[in-house]
Amino acid sequence: MGRLDGKVVWITGAASGLGRASALACAAEGATILATDLDAPAAVVTEIEGLGGQATALTQDVTDEARWDAIADEAETRFGGFQVLVNNAGVGASRLLADTDLAFWRKIQSVNLDAVFLGTRTGFRRMAPGGSIINISSVLGIVGNAGTSAYSASKGGVRLFSKSAAVEAAQTGLGIRVNSVHPGYIGTPMVMDNVANQAEPEKVVAMIRARHPVGHLGEPEDIANAVVYLASDDAKFVTGTEIIVDGGYTAW
């Protein structure tokens, strides 16, 4: 018996990186996966099915309000609903504050924060008691860093939004848990592409590694393991908190 047997897990941004790893890990624990991304993540579905699991891929722009309800309708039609929502889709880009225009700022907030609101609201409206909402934030939602003001604002917003949502869900009797996960620097395509765009990528990688007391970047599976825990009934008394998976980044 897997820890997620009988659960339908909806994961946004599931095509690669943390989303892909979380989809594979949840499927390995018995979950049926509803994987969404800007382009339907068919490759992830193929991987899961090749391992004997069940998954469906759908297109989703997480900033499109109407699409949230459309996919929730699909989940109800195909599976009878969903029990876990992982708000994972996000964008990351570095830009000095003085060089940040309003369009860039709003794009970051729209994908990283507005979409988490839309997803969580969908969960509140459509999930049955016992559900779990997992919002992927960042260590940069806890501590600051030069050049990441827009990103840090969005991820810090996810942290406190998740806490408020958790309290509301508990006090109004929804019976839904809401938590955030805060990865350190993980070797995902998004992180490595951002590093590659820097003036001296090798020095940037060395600096990032040194910032983690363990001396290396994390792997997507490190975050996926936290997602599995929060999705499972092992975490039935865990809500309104953050799980930091950062190799010690925020410890000093």
Protein backbone atom coordinates (compact mmCIF):
# COMPACT_ATOMS: atom_id res chain seq x y z
CA MET A 1 0.00 0.00 0.00
CA GLY A 2 1.39 3.39 -0.99
CA ARG A 3 1.03 6.43 1.23
CA LEU A 4 -1.08 8.16 -1.42
CA ASP A 5 -3.27 5.27 -2.55
CA GLY A 6 -6.69 6.51 -3.65
CA LYS A 7 -5.64 10.16 -3.90
CA VAL A 8 -5.74 12.33 -7.00
CA VAL A 9 -2.85 14.81 -6.98
CA TRP A 10 -3.04 17.90 -9.22
CA ILE A 11 0.42 19.35 -9.86
CA THR A 12 0.99 22.56 -11.80
CA GLY A 13 4.23 23.16 -13.68
CA ALA A 14 4.63 19.39 -13.91
CA ALA A 15 6.62 19.20 -17.14
CA SER A 16 10.06 19.50 -15.56
CA GLY A 17 12.05 20.27 -12.43
CA LEU A 18 10.27 20.12 -9.09
CA GLY A 19 6.89 19.47 -10.68
CA ARG A 20 8.08 16.45 -12.64
CA ALA A 21 9.90 15.01 -9.62
CA SER A 22 6.84 15.52 -7.41
CA ALA A 23 4.59 13.86 -9.98
CA LEU A 24 6.84 10.81 -10.18
CA ALA A 25 7.22 10.57 -6.40
CA CYS A 26 3.49 10.88 -5.73
CA ALA A 27 2.70 8.33 -8.43
CA ALA A 28 5.20 5.92 -6.87
CA GLU A 29 3.18 6.20 -3.64
CA GLY A 30 -0.03 5.22 -5.41
CA ALA A 31 -1.52 8.57 -6.40
CA THR A 32 -3.27 9.28 -9.67
CA ILE A 33 -1.57 12.34 -11.13
CA LEU A 34 -3.24 15.27 -12.87
CA ALA A 35 -0.22 16.98 -14.42
CA THR A 36 -0.58 20.45 -15.92
CA ASP A 37 1.72 22.93 -17.62
CA LEU A 38 1.65 25.52 -20.39
CA ASP A 39 2.15 22.61 -22.78
CA ALA A 40 0.48 19.41 -21.60
CA PRO A 41 3.29 17.41 -19.92
CA ALA A 42 2.76 14.22 -21.91
CA ALA A 43 6.33 13.01 -21.29
CA VAL A 44 5.71 12.90 -17.54
CA VAL A 45 2.53 10.91 -18.08
CA THR A 46 4.46 8.46 -20.26
CA GLU A 47 7.09 8.04 -17.52
CA ILE A 48 4.47 7.42 -14.86
CA GLU A 49 2.52 4.97 -16.99
CA GLY A 50 5.76 3.17 -17.86
CA LEU A 51 6.26 2.59 -14.14
CA GLY A 52 2.73 1.22 -13.76
CA GLY A 53 1.10 4.39 -12.49
CA GLN A 54 -1.86 6.47 -13.67
CA ALA A 55 -1.66 10.04 -14.91
CA THR A 56 -3.35 12.58 -17.15
CA ALA A 57 -1.79 15.66 -18.76
CA LEU A 58 -3.65 18.90 -19.43
CA THR A 59 -2.62 22.35 -20.59
CA GLN A 60 -2.81 25.14 -18.04
CA ASP A 61 -1.76 28.74 -17.86
CA VAL A 62 -1.93 29.23 -14.10
CA THR A 63 -2.63 32.95 -14.53
CA ASP A 64 -5.85 32.17 -16.44
CA GLU A 65 -8.62 32.33 -13.84
CA ALA A 66 -11.19 30.45 -15.91
CA ARG A 67 -8.82 27.58 -16.62
CA TRP A 68 -8.71 26.65 -12.92
CA ASP A 69 -12.42 25.89 -12.88
CA ALA A 70 -12.22 24.08 -16.21
CA ILE A 71 -9.55 21.72 -14.92
CA ALA A 72 -11.39 21.20 -11.65
CA ASP A 73 -14.41 20.19 -13.74
CA GLU A 74 -12.20 17.75 -15.67
CA ALA A 75 -10.93 16.29 -12.41
CA GLU A 76 -14.47 15.73 -11.18
CA THR A 77 -15.55 14.16 -14.46
CA ARG A 78 -12.56 11.84 -14.76
CA PHE A 79 -11.73 11.04 -11.15
CA GLY A 80 -14.55 12.31 -8.96
CA GLY A 81 -12.44 15.23 -7.79
CA PHE A 82 -8.96 15.79 -6.40
CA GLN A 83 -7.57 15.45 -2.88
CA VAL A 84 -4.20 17.19 -3.23
CA LEU A 85 -3.17 20.35 -5.07
CA VAL A 86 0.50 21.25 -5.52
CA ASN A 87 0.87 24.87 -6.62
CA ASN A 88 4.31 24.42 -8.12
CA ALA A 89 4.33 26.48 -11.34
CA GLY A 90 6.60 29.48 -11.06
CA VAL A 91 9.12 31.72 -12.76
CA GLY A 92 12.46 32.95 -11.50
CA ALA A 93 14.59 35.77 -12.81
CA SER A 94 17.17 38.10 -11.28
CA ARG A 95 17.07 41.84 -11.84
CA LEU A 96 18.42 44.71 -9.78
CA LEU A 97 15.66 46.73 -8.16
CA ALA A 98 16.64 49.97 -9.93
CA ASP A 99 16.35 48.14 -13.26
CA THR A 100 13.00 46.51 -12.47
CA ASP A 101 10.09 47.90 -14.45
CA LEU A 102 6.47 47.44 -13.46
CA ALA A 103 5.78 44.93 -16.25
CA PHE A 104 8.55 42.62 -14.99
CA TRP A 105 7.36 43.00 -11.39
CA ARG A 106 3.77 42.18 -12.32
CA LYS A 107 4.78 39.15 -14.40
CA ILE A 108 6.63 37.62 -11.45
CA GLN A 109 3.77 38.32 -9.04
CA SER A 110 1.19 37.02 -11.50
CA VAL A 111 2.77 33.59 -11.93
CA ASN A 112 4.32 33.10 -8.50
CA LEU A 113 1.69 34.64 -6.22
CA ASP A 114 -1.57 35.37 -8.03
CA ALA A 115 -1.69 31.82 -9.39
CA VAL A 116 -1.18 30.39 -5.90
CA PHE A 117 -4.18 32.43 -4.77
CA LEU A 118 -6.24 31.16 -7.71
CA GLY A 119 -5.24 27.56 -7.07
CA THR A 120 -5.83 27.71 -3.34
CA ARG A 121 -9.21 29.35 -3.85
CA THR A 122 -10.12 26.57 -6.29
CA GLY A 123 -9.13 24.03 -3.66
CA PHE A 124 -11.27 25.76 -1.03
CA ARG A 125 -14.26 25.73 -3.38
CA ARG A 126 -13.86 22.24 -4.84
CA MET A 127 -11.96 19.97 -2.41
CA ALA A 128 -13.60 17.79 0.21
CA PRO A 129 -12.48 17.77 3.87
CA GLY A 130 -9.18 15.99 4.32
CA GLY A 131 -7.59 17.66 1.31
CA SER A 132 -4.07 19.06 1.23
CA ILE A 133 -2.81 22.16 -0.59
CA ILE A 134 0.96 22.44 -0.98
CA ASN A 135 2.34 25.78 -2.14
CA ILE A 136 5.91 25.79 -3.41
CA SER A 137 7.73 28.88 -2.17
CA SER A 138 11.51 29.33 -1.74
CA VAL A 139 14.20 30.11 0.79
CA LEU A 140 14.08 33.53 -0.85
CA GLY A 141 10.59 33.83 0.58
CA ILE A 142 12.22 33.76 4.03
CA VAL A 143 15.51 35.61 3.51
CA GLY A 144 16.45 38.29 1.03
CA ASN A 145 19.06 38.44 -1.69
CA ALA A 146 20.36 41.17 -3.98
CA GLY A 147 18.72 41.13 -7.38
CA THR A 148 15.70 39.09 -6.33
CA SER A 149 13.33 41.71 -4.92
CA ALA A 150 10.42 40.78 -7.21
CA TYR A 151 10.96 37.06 -6.77
CA SER A 152 11.40 37.31 -3.00
CA ALA A 153 8.27 39.43 -2.68
CA SER A 154 6.26 36.81 -4.55
CA LYS A 155 7.63 33.88 -2.58
CA GLY A 156 7.36 35.67 0.76
CA GLY A 157 3.76 36.35 -0.17
CA VAL A 158 3.21 32.64 -0.77
CA ARG A 159 4.53 31.87 2.72
CA LEU A 160 2.20 34.20 4.63
CA PHE A 161 -0.72 33.64 2.27
CA SER A 162 -0.45 29.91 3.01
CA LYS A 163 -0.52 30.52 6.76
CA SER A 164 -3.61 32.74 6.57
CA ALA A 165 -5.35 30.27 4.27
CA ALA A 166 -4.54 27.40 6.64
CA VAL A 167 -6.06 29.21 9.61
CA GLU A 168 -9.16 30.12 7.62
CA ALA A 169 -9.61 26.57 6.33
CA ALA A 170 -9.38 25.21 9.87
CA GLN A 171 -11.59 27.78 11.56
CA THR A 172 -14.33 27.71 8.93
CA GLY A 173 -14.55 23.92 8.97
CA LEU A 174 -13.27 23.23 5.47
CA GLY A 175 -10.95 20.56 6.82
CA ILE A 176 -8.26 21.35 4.25
CA ARG A 177 -4.59 21.63 5.19
CA VAL A 178 -2.41 24.33 3.61
CA ASN A 179 1.38 24.39 3.87
CA SER A 180 4.34 25.83 2.00
CA VAL A 181 7.61 24.21 0.95
CA HIS A 182 10.78 26.31 0.73
CA PRO A 183 13.51 24.81 -1.44
CA GLY A 184 17.07 26.01 -1.38
CA TYR A 185 18.84 26.17 -4.72
CA ILE A 186 17.93 23.01 -6.61
CA GLY A 187 19.58 21.89 -9.84
CA THR A 188 16.46 22.39 -11.95
CA PRO A 189 16.35 23.72 -15.53
CA MET A 190 14.90 27.03 -14.25
CA VAL A 191 17.74 27.57 -11.78
CA MET A 192 20.49 26.48 -14.15
CA ASP A 193 19.10 28.57 -17.03
CA ASN A 194 19.07 31.60 -14.75
CA VAL A 195 22.67 30.93 -13.75
CA ALA A 196 23.69 30.51 -17.40
CA ASN A 197 22.43 34.01 -18.12
CA GLN A 198 24.81 35.55 -15.57
CA ALA A 199 28.10 37.18 -16.57
CA GLU A 200 30.27 34.48 -14.99
CA PRO A 201 28.14 31.34 -14.58
CA GLU A 202 30.88 29.16 -13.06
CA LYS A 203 31.56 31.70 -10.32
CA VAL A 204 27.83 32.02 -9.65
CA VAL A 205 27.46 28.25 -9.24
CA ALA A 206 30.44 28.14 -6.89
CA MET A 207 28.98 30.99 -4.85
CA ILE A 208 25.59 29.27 -4.62
CA ARG A 209 27.15 25.98 -3.53
CA ALA A 210 29.19 27.74 -0.87
CA ARG A 211 26.04 29.39 0.47
CA HIS A 212 24.70 25.95 1.43
CA PRO A 213 26.49 24.48 4.47
CA VAL A 214 26.19 20.99 2.95
CA GLY A 215 28.34 22.23 0.05
CA HIS A 216 26.13 21.33 -2.90
CA LEU A 217 22.83 22.11 -4.58
CA GLY A 218 19.74 20.08 -3.83
CA GLU A 219 18.05 17.61 -6.16
CA PRO A 220 14.40 17.79 -7.30
CA GLU A 221 13.71 14.56 -5.41
CA ASP A 222 14.58 16.30 -2.14
CA ILE A 223 11.59 18.58 -2.62
CA ALA A 224 9.39 15.80 -3.98
CA ASN A 225 9.87 13.86 -0.73
CA ALA A 226 8.51 16.83 1.24
CA VAL A 227 5.55 17.07 -1.13
CA VAL A 228 4.74 13.38 -0.65
CA TYR A 229 4.80 13.81 3.12
CA LEU A 230 2.49 16.84 3.11
CA ALA A 231 0.15 15.12 0.65
CA SER A 232 -0.11 12.02 2.82
CA ASP A 233 -2.11 11.31 5.94
CA ASP A 234 1.21 11.19 7.82
CA ALA A 235 0.89 14.99 7.86
CA LYS A 236 -2.76 15.11 9.00
CA PHE A 237 -1.83 17.38 11.96
CA VAL A 238 0.42 19.64 9.89
CA THR A 239 -1.06 22.88 8.58
CA GLY A 240 -0.07 26.52 8.37
CA THR A 241 3.62 25.81 8.49
CA GLU A 242 6.58 25.82 6.14
CA ILE A 243 8.91 22.95 5.41
CA ILE A 244 12.39 24.25 4.57
CA VAL A 245 14.49 21.94 2.41
CA ASP A 246 17.62 23.99 1.82
CA GLY A 247 20.82 22.21 2.83
CA GLY A 248 21.20 24.69 5.68
CA TYR A 249 20.91 27.84 3.51
CA THR A 250 18.74 29.69 6.03
CA ALA A 251 20.61 28.39 9.10
CA TRP A 252 23.34 31.05 8.90
